[in-house]
Structures are given as structure tokens and as C-alpha cells.
PDB file of N, CA and C in Angstrom:
ATOM      1  N   UNK A   1      36.893  67.816  31.051  1.00  0.00           N
ATOM      2  CA  UNK A   1      36.037  66.729  30.647  1.00  0.00           C
ATOM      3  C   UNK A   1      34.979  66.518  31.727  1.00  0.00           C
ATOM      4  N   UNK A   2      33.756  66.477  31.316  1.00  0.00           N
ATOM      5  CA  UNK A   2      32.650  66.277  32.253  1.00  0.00           C
ATOM      6  C   UNK A   2      31.925  64.995  31.878  1.00  0.00           C
ATOM      7  N   UNK A   3      31.881  64.076  32.790  1.00  0.00           N
ATOM      8  CA  UNK A   3      31.188  62.813  32.549  1.00  0.00           C
ATOM      9  C   UNK A   3      30.010  62.751  33.497  1.00  0.00           C
ATOM     10  N   UNK A   4      28.854  62.493  32.962  1.00  0.00           N
ATOM     11  CA  UNK A   4      27.668  62.374  33.806  1.00  0.00           C
ATOM     12  C   UNK A   4      27.067  60.994  33.628  1.00  0.00           C
ATOM     13  N   UNK A   5      26.801  60.383  34.724  1.00  0.00           N
ATOM     14  CA  UNK A   5      26.141  59.083  34.696  1.00  0.00           C
ATOM     15  C   UNK A   5      25.006  59.123  35.684  1.00  0.00           C
ATOM     16  N   UNK A   6      23.984  58.410  35.370  1.00  0.00           N
ATOM     17  CA  UNK A   6      22.832  58.367  36.264  1.00  0.00           C
ATOM     18  C   UNK A   6      22.823  57.042  36.990  1.00  0.00           C
ATOM     19  N   UNK A   7      22.756  57.101  38.284  1.00  0.00           N
ATOM     20  CA  UNK A   7      22.649  55.895  39.094  1.00  0.00           C
ATOM     21  C   UNK A   7      21.211  55.760  39.547  1.00  0.00           C
ATOM     22  N   UNK A   8      20.744  54.551  39.625  1.00  0.00           N
ATOM     23  CA  UNK A   8      19.371  54.310  40.059  1.00  0.00           C
ATOM     24  C   UNK A   8      19.172  54.749  41.491  1.00  0.00           C
ATOM     25  N   UNK A   9      17.940  54.780  41.914  1.00  0.00           N
ATOM     26  CA  UNK A   9      17.673  55.210  43.290  1.00  0.00           C
ATOM     27  C   UNK A   9      18.309  54.242  44.278  1.00  0.00           C
ATOM     28  N   UNK A  10      19.093  54.774  45.161  1.00  0.00           N
ATOM     29  CA  UNK A  10      19.760  53.945  46.159  1.00  0.00           C
ATOM     30  C   UNK A  10      19.029  54.007  47.481  1.00  0.00           C
ATOM     31  N   UNK A  11      19.398  53.154  48.415  1.00  0.00           N
ATOM     32  CA  UNK A  11      18.728  53.138  49.710  1.00  0.00           C
ATOM     33  C   UNK A  11      19.116  54.318  50.594  1.00  0.00           C
ATOM     34  N   UNK A  12      20.211  54.976  50.260  1.00  0.00           N
ATOM     35  CA  UNK A  12      20.635  56.104  51.087  1.00  0.00           C
ATOM     36  C   UNK A  12      21.436  57.086  50.262  1.00  0.00           C
ATOM     37  N   UNK A  13      21.629  58.236  50.813  1.00  0.00           N
ATOM     38  CA  UNK A  13      22.461  59.272  50.208  1.00  0.00           C
ATOM     39  C   UNK A  13      23.505  59.644  51.247  1.00  0.00           C
ATOM     40  N   UNK A  14      24.798  59.539  50.930  1.00  0.00           N
ATOM     41  CA  UNK A  14      25.809  59.825  51.939  1.00  0.00           C
ATOM     42  C   UNK A  14      25.790  61.282  52.381  1.00  0.00           C
ATOM     43  N   UNK A  15      26.148  61.485  53.619  1.00  0.00           N
ATOM     44  CA  UNK A  15      26.185  62.846  54.166  1.00  0.00           C
ATOM     45  C   UNK A  15      27.377  63.598  53.599  1.00  0.00           C
ATOM     46  N   UNK A  16      27.209  64.867  53.375  1.00  0.00           N
ATOM     47  CA  UNK A  16      28.308  65.683  52.866  1.00  0.00           C
ATOM     48  C   UNK A  16      29.056  66.359  54.012  1.00  0.00           C
ATOM     49  N   UNK A  17      28.659  66.098  55.221  1.00  0.00           N
ATOM     50  CA  UNK A  17      29.291  66.714  56.376  1.00  0.00           C
ATOM     51  C   UNK A  17      29.249  65.745  57.553  1.00  0.00           C
ATOM     52  N   UNK A  18      30.047  66.038  58.536  1.00  0.00           N
ATOM     53  CA  UNK A  18      30.032  65.246  59.763  1.00  0.00           C
ATOM     54  C   UNK A  18      29.040  65.904  60.714  1.00  0.00           C
ATOM     55  N   UNK A  19      28.132  65.134  61.288  1.00  0.00           N
ATOM     56  CA  UNK A  19      27.177  65.727  62.235  1.00  0.00           C
ATOM     57  C   UNK A  19      27.919  66.426  63.372  1.00  0.00           C
ATOM     58  N   UNK A  20      27.516  67.634  63.728  1.00  0.00           N
ATOM     59  CA  UNK A  20      28.245  68.387  64.753  1.00  0.00           C
ATOM     60  C   UNK A  20      28.266  67.710  66.120  1.00  0.00           C
ATOM     61  N   UNK A  21      27.247  66.940  66.437  1.00  0.00           N
ATOM     62  CA  UNK A  21      27.214  66.292  67.751  1.00  0.00           C
ATOM     63  C   UNK A  21      28.041  65.009  67.805  1.00  0.00           C
ATOM     64  N   UNK A  22      28.582  64.560  66.674  1.00  0.00           N
ATOM     65  CA  UNK A  22      29.360  63.324  66.665  1.00  0.00           C
ATOM     66  C   UNK A  22      30.670  63.484  67.444  1.00  0.00           C
ATOM     67  N   UNK A  23      31.378  64.571  67.243  1.00  0.00           N
ATOM     68  CA  UNK A  23      32.646  64.784  67.953  1.00  0.00           C
ATOM     69  C   UNK A  23      32.423  64.881  69.455  1.00  0.00           C
ATOM     70  N   UNK A  24      31.350  65.543  69.851  1.00  0.00           N
ATOM     71  CA  UNK A  24      31.062  65.685  71.282  1.00  0.00           C
ATOM     72  C   UNK A  24      30.586  64.373  71.893  1.00  0.00           C
ATOM     73  N   UNK A  25      30.069  63.474  71.065  1.00  0.00           N
ATOM     74  CA  UNK A  25      29.540  62.206  71.565  1.00  0.00           C
ATOM     75  C   UNK A  25      30.596  61.106  71.619  1.00  0.00           C
ATOM     76  N   UNK A  26      31.815  61.378  71.138  1.00  0.00           N
ATOM     77  CA  UNK A  26      32.815  60.317  71.047  1.00  0.00           C
ATOM     78  C   UNK A  26      34.181  60.661  71.651  1.00  0.00           C
ATOM     79  N   UNK A  27      34.254  61.302  72.800  1.00  0.00           N
ATOM     80  CA  UNK A  27      35.584  61.640  73.339  1.00  0.00           C
ATOM     81  C   UNK A  27      36.410  60.405  73.713  1.00  0.00           C
ATOM     82  N   UNK A  28      35.781  59.370  74.243  1.00  0.00           N
ATOM     83  CA  UNK A  28      36.533  58.157  74.609  1.00  0.00           C
ATOM     84  C   UNK A  28      37.083  57.455  73.374  1.00  0.00           C
ATOM     85  N   UNK A  29      36.273  57.373  72.324  1.00  0.00           N
ATOM     86  CA  UNK A  29      36.729  56.717  71.099  1.00  0.00           C
ATOM     87  C   UNK A  29      37.879  57.495  70.467  1.00  0.00           C
ATOM     88  N   UNK A  30      37.773  58.808  70.450  1.00  0.00           N
ATOM     89  CA  UNK A  30      38.842  59.625  69.874  1.00  0.00           C
ATOM     90  C   UNK A  30      40.112  59.546  70.702  1.00  0.00           C
ATOM     91  N   UNK A  31      39.985  59.350  72.005  1.00  0.00           N
ATOM     92  CA  UNK A  31      41.184  59.239  72.850  1.00  0.00           C
ATOM     93  C   UNK A  31      41.970  57.965  72.527  1.00  0.00           C
ATOM     94  N   UNK A  32      41.300  56.937  72.017  1.00  0.00           N
ATOM     95  CA  UNK A  32      41.993  55.699  71.642  1.00  0.00           C
ATOM     96  C   UNK A  32      42.903  55.889  70.435  1.00  0.00           C
ATOM     97  N   UNK A  33      42.726  56.973  69.692  1.00  0.00           N
ATOM     98  CA  UNK A  33      43.525  57.228  68.495  1.00  0.00           C
ATOM     99  C   UNK A  33      44.871  57.877  68.800  1.00  0.00           C
ATOM    100  N   UNK A  34      45.080  58.284  70.028  1.00  0.00           N
ATOM    101  CA  UNK A  34      46.337  58.937  70.399  1.00  0.00           C
ATOM    102  C   UNK A  34      47.444  57.899  70.550  1.00  0.00           C
ATOM    103  N   UNK A  35      48.650  58.272  70.116  1.00  0.00           N
ATOM    104  CA  UNK A  35      49.792  57.356  70.163  1.00  0.00           C
ATOM    105  C   UNK A  35      50.090  56.846  71.566  1.00  0.00           C
ATOM    106  N   UNK A  36      50.018  57.744  72.528  1.00  0.00           N
ATOM    107  CA  UNK A  36      50.431  57.380  73.889  1.00  0.00           C
ATOM    108  C   UNK A  36      49.363  56.604  74.663  1.00  0.00           C
ATOM    109  N   UNK A  37      48.197  56.383  74.050  1.00  0.00           N
ATOM    110  CA  UNK A  37      47.105  55.695  74.736  1.00  0.00           C
ATOM    111  C   UNK A  37      47.099  54.210  74.386  1.00  0.00           C
ATOM    112  N   UNK A  38      47.110  53.368  75.404  1.00  0.00           N
ATOM    113  CA  UNK A  38      46.987  51.927  75.175  1.00  0.00           C
ATOM    114  C   UNK A  38      45.540  51.623  74.794  1.00  0.00           C
ATOM    115  N   UNK A  39      45.367  50.734  73.825  1.00  0.00           N
ATOM    116  CA  UNK A  39      44.019  50.411  73.363  1.00  0.00           C
ATOM    117  C   UNK A  39      43.379  49.423  74.334  1.00  0.00           C
ATOM    118  N   UNK A  40      42.349  49.875  75.008  1.00  0.00           N
ATOM    119  CA  UNK A  40      41.594  49.007  75.912  1.00  0.00           C
ATOM    120  C   UNK A  40      40.121  49.348  75.739  1.00  0.00           C
ATOM    121  N   UNK A  41      39.357  48.392  75.208  1.00  0.00           N
ATOM    122  CA  UNK A  41      37.930  48.592  74.925  1.00  0.00           C
ATOM    123  C   UNK A  41      37.124  48.256  76.175  1.00  0.00           C
ATOM    124  N   UNK A  42      36.352  49.211  76.643  1.00  0.00           N
ATOM    125  CA  UNK A  42      35.555  49.027  77.854  1.00  0.00           C
ATOM    126  C   UNK A  42      34.067  49.122  77.511  1.00  0.00           C
ATOM    127  N   UNK A  43      33.198  48.785  78.450  1.00  0.00           N
ATOM    128  CA  UNK A  43      31.757  48.968  78.206  1.00  0.00           C
ATOM    129  C   UNK A  43      31.400  50.424  77.883  1.00  0.00           C
ATOM    130  N   UNK A  44      32.143  51.372  78.442  1.00  0.00           N
ATOM    131  CA  UNK A  44      31.893  52.781  78.113  1.00  0.00           C
ATOM    132  C   UNK A  44      32.216  53.083  76.650  1.00  0.00           C
ATOM    133  N   UNK A  45      33.298  52.473  76.142  1.00  0.00           N
ATOM    134  CA  UNK A  45      33.629  52.639  74.727  1.00  0.00           C
ATOM    135  C   UNK A  45      32.519  52.041  73.855  1.00  0.00           C
ATOM    136  N   UNK A  46      32.023  50.884  74.242  1.00  0.00           N
ATOM    137  CA  UNK A  46      30.962  50.237  73.463  1.00  0.00           C
ATOM    138  C   UNK A  46      29.702  51.094  73.453  1.00  0.00           C
ATOM    139  N   UNK A  47      29.367  51.661  74.603  1.00  0.00           N
ATOM    140  CA  UNK A  47      28.196  52.535  74.696  1.00  0.00           C
ATOM    141  C   UNK A  47      28.351  53.754  73.778  1.00  0.00           C
ATOM    142  N   UNK A  48      29.542  54.335  73.811  1.00  0.00           N
ATOM    143  CA  UNK A  48      29.822  55.500  72.973  1.00  0.00           C
ATOM    144  C   UNK A  48      29.784  55.124  71.487  1.00  0.00           C
ATOM    145  N   UNK A  49      30.311  53.958  71.156  1.00  0.00           N
ATOM    146  CA  UNK A  49      30.291  53.473  69.774  1.00  0.00           C
ATOM    147  C   UNK A  49      28.857  53.270  69.295  1.00  0.00           C
ATOM    148  N   UNK A  50      28.030  52.660  70.122  1.00  0.00           N
ATOM    149  CA  UNK A  50      26.625  52.456  69.756  1.00  0.00           C
ATOM    150  C   UNK A  50      25.901  53.792  69.572  1.00  0.00           C
ATOM    151  N   UNK A  51      26.226  54.767  70.406  1.00  0.00           N
ATOM    152  CA  UNK A  51      25.639  56.097  70.276  1.00  0.00           C
ATOM    153  C   UNK A  51      26.076  56.752  68.959  1.00  0.00           C
ATOM    154  N   UNK A  52      27.349  56.600  68.604  1.00  0.00           N
ATOM    155  CA  UNK A  52      27.852  57.158  67.343  1.00  0.00           C
ATOM    156  C   UNK A  52      27.152  56.509  66.150  1.00  0.00           C
ATOM    157  N   UNK A  53      26.941  55.195  66.215  1.00  0.00           N
ATOM    158  CA  UNK A  53      26.216  54.513  65.129  1.00  0.00           C
ATOM    159  C   UNK A  53      24.799  55.047  65.005  1.00  0.00           C
ATOM    160  N   UNK A  54      24.154  55.304  66.134  1.00  0.00           N
ATOM    161  CA  UNK A  54      22.789  55.839  66.111  1.00  0.00           C
ATOM    162  C   UNK A  54      22.761  57.236  65.494  1.00  0.00           C
ATOM    163  N   UNK A  55      23.758  58.050  65.811  1.00  0.00           N
ATOM    164  CA  UNK A  55      23.836  59.397  65.234  1.00  0.00           C
ATOM    165  C   UNK A  55      24.023  59.306  63.724  1.00  0.00           C
ATOM    166  N   UNK A  56      24.940  58.439  63.282  1.00  0.00           N
ATOM    167  CA  UNK A  56      25.227  58.317  61.851  1.00  0.00           C
ATOM    168  C   UNK A  56      24.093  57.670  61.066  1.00  0.00           C
ATOM    169  N   UNK A  57      23.240  56.913  61.734  1.00  0.00           N
ATOM    170  CA  UNK A  57      22.108  56.265  61.058  1.00  0.00           C
ATOM    171  C   UNK A  57      20.818  57.063  61.193  1.00  0.00           C
ATOM    172  N   UNK A  58      20.888  58.229  61.810  1.00  0.00           N
ATOM    173  CA  UNK A  58      19.682  59.033  62.027  1.00  0.00           C
ATOM    174  C   UNK A  58      19.177  59.623  60.708  1.00  0.00           C
ATOM    175  N   UNK A  59      17.884  59.919  60.630  1.00  0.00           N
ATOM    176  CA  UNK A  59      17.303  60.468  59.397  1.00  0.00           C
ATOM    177  C   UNK A  59      17.910  61.802  58.961  1.00  0.00           C
ATOM    178  N   UNK A  60      18.521  62.543  59.873  1.00  0.00           N
ATOM    179  CA  UNK A  60      19.139  63.809  59.472  1.00  0.00           C
ATOM    180  C   UNK A  60      20.448  63.594  58.712  1.00  0.00           C
ATOM    181  N   UNK A  61      21.031  62.395  58.817  1.00  0.00           N
ATOM    182  CA  UNK A  61      22.286  62.091  58.125  1.00  0.00           C
ATOM    183  C   UNK A  61      22.041  61.195  56.918  1.00  0.00           C
ATOM    184  N   UNK A  62      21.285  60.137  57.101  1.00  0.00           N
ATOM    185  CA  UNK A  62      21.000  59.185  56.029  1.00  0.00           C
ATOM    186  C   UNK A  62      19.534  59.325  55.646  1.00  0.00           C
ATOM    187  N   UNK A  63      19.312  59.683  54.411  1.00  0.00           N
ATOM    188  CA  UNK A  63      17.936  59.871  53.962  1.00  0.00           C
ATOM    189  C   UNK A  63      17.810  59.370  52.532  1.00  0.00           C
ATOM    190  N   UNK A  64      16.595  59.091  52.069  1.00  0.00           N
ATOM    191  CA  UNK A  64      16.403  58.539  50.724  1.00  0.00           C
ATOM    192  C   UNK A  64      16.948  59.472  49.643  1.00  0.00           C
ATOM    193  N   UNK A  65      17.474  58.877  48.598  1.00  0.00           N
ATOM    194  CA  UNK A  65      17.990  59.629  47.461  1.00  0.00           C
ATOM    195  C   UNK A  65      16.843  60.307  46.732  1.00  0.00           C
ATOM    196  N   UNK A  66      17.006  61.581  46.428  1.00  0.00           N
ATOM    197  CA  UNK A  66      15.986  62.350  45.722  1.00  0.00           C
ATOM    198  C   UNK A  66      16.456  62.564  44.289  1.00  0.00           C
ATOM    199  N   UNK A  67      15.830  61.870  43.345  1.00  0.00           N
ATOM    200  CA  UNK A  67      16.242  61.953  41.947  1.00  0.00           C
ATOM    201  C   UNK A  67      15.945  63.306  41.321  1.00  0.00           C
ATOM    202  N   UNK A  68      15.101  64.109  41.934  1.00  0.00           N
ATOM    203  CA  UNK A  68      14.757  65.401  41.346  1.00  0.00           C
ATOM    204  C   UNK A  68      15.819  66.466  41.637  1.00  0.00           C
ATOM    205  N   UNK A  69      16.706  66.206  42.573  1.00  0.00           N
ATOM    206  CA  UNK A  69      17.769  67.158  42.894  1.00  0.00           C
ATOM    207  C   UNK A  69      18.997  66.899  42.029  1.00  0.00           C
ATOM    208  N   UNK A  70      19.779  67.937  41.792  1.00  0.00           N
ATOM    209  CA  UNK A  70      21.002  67.807  41.019  1.00  0.00           C
ATOM    210  C   UNK A  70      22.023  67.002  41.831  1.00  0.00           C
ATOM    211  N   UNK A  71      22.664  66.050  41.181  1.00  0.00           N
ATOM    212  CA  UNK A  71      23.670  65.220  41.844  1.00  0.00           C
ATOM    213  C   UNK A  71      25.014  65.427  41.178  1.00  0.00           C
ATOM    214  N   UNK A  72      26.058  65.478  41.982  1.00  0.00           N
ATOM    215  CA  UNK A  72      27.417  65.592  41.455  1.00  0.00           C
ATOM    216  C   UNK A  72      28.278  64.553  42.144  1.00  0.00           C
ATOM    217  N   UNK A  73      29.140  63.936  41.381  1.00  0.00           N
ATOM    218  CA  UNK A  73      30.039  62.918  41.912  1.00  0.00           C
ATOM    219  C   UNK A  73      31.465  63.390  41.691  1.00  0.00           C
ATOM    220  N   UNK A  74      32.215  63.539  42.757  1.00  0.00           N
ATOM    221  CA  UNK A  74      33.608  63.959  42.674  1.00  0.00           C
ATOM    222  C   UNK A  74      34.488  62.762  43.009  1.00  0.00           C
ATOM    223  N   UNK A  75      35.523  62.545  42.194  1.00  0.00           N
ATOM    224  CA  UNK A  75      36.432  61.427  42.437  1.00  0.00           C
ATOM    225  C   UNK A  75      37.869  61.914  42.384  1.00  0.00           C
ATOM    226  N   UNK A  76      38.707  61.254  43.133  1.00  0.00           N
ATOM    227  CA  UNK A  76      40.129  61.557  43.144  1.00  0.00           C
ATOM    228  C   UNK A  76      40.868  60.247  42.936  1.00  0.00           C
ATOM    229  N   UNK A  77      41.675  60.182  41.908  1.00  0.00           N
ATOM    230  CA  UNK A  77      42.390  58.947  41.594  1.00  0.00           C
ATOM    231  C   UNK A  77      43.847  59.008  42.043  1.00  0.00           C
ATOM    232  N   UNK A  78      44.142  59.854  43.001  1.00  0.00           N
ATOM    233  CA  UNK A  78      45.543  59.988  43.430  1.00  0.00           C
ATOM    234  C   UNK A  78      45.972  58.849  44.312  1.00  0.00           C
TER     235      UNK A  78
END
């Protein structure tokens, strides 16, 4: 079954991949995810977080929706 719906132009189009420089820009944040690490937020963590937000909001990741391109929506209801 194939269902197609058209959504109006949105303010952004989600990225289909993770920017390659994001992992290299967030080692302190990723270290907080380890079980043996106590969670302590420092100014360095905040700086790294702000940098990650800038990477994710950059024009190479978030860009205007182009209605002329083919769009596909995949969903999983599991």
C-alpha cells in the first residue's frame, strides 16, 4: 500500500544524515552518556553544546524545503 500526501512548504527540511563534524565536536557531551561517568555540566560542556547547536542549525543541514524534488516519508509504527 502506497499512500502519498502533500505537505505545504515548511520552514525546514530535516537532515537525512548526521553531519560528520558533529561527533568530533562533541566528545565531552558524549562522555556524559557513559554509565560510569557522573553527570556534571561545566562551562566546557555548555560551549560544546552551543557549538553542536550551531552545526545542526547550519545551512548545510537545515535548508528550505524544495517542492520540485521528490519527497518520501517513511514511518514505523512499532
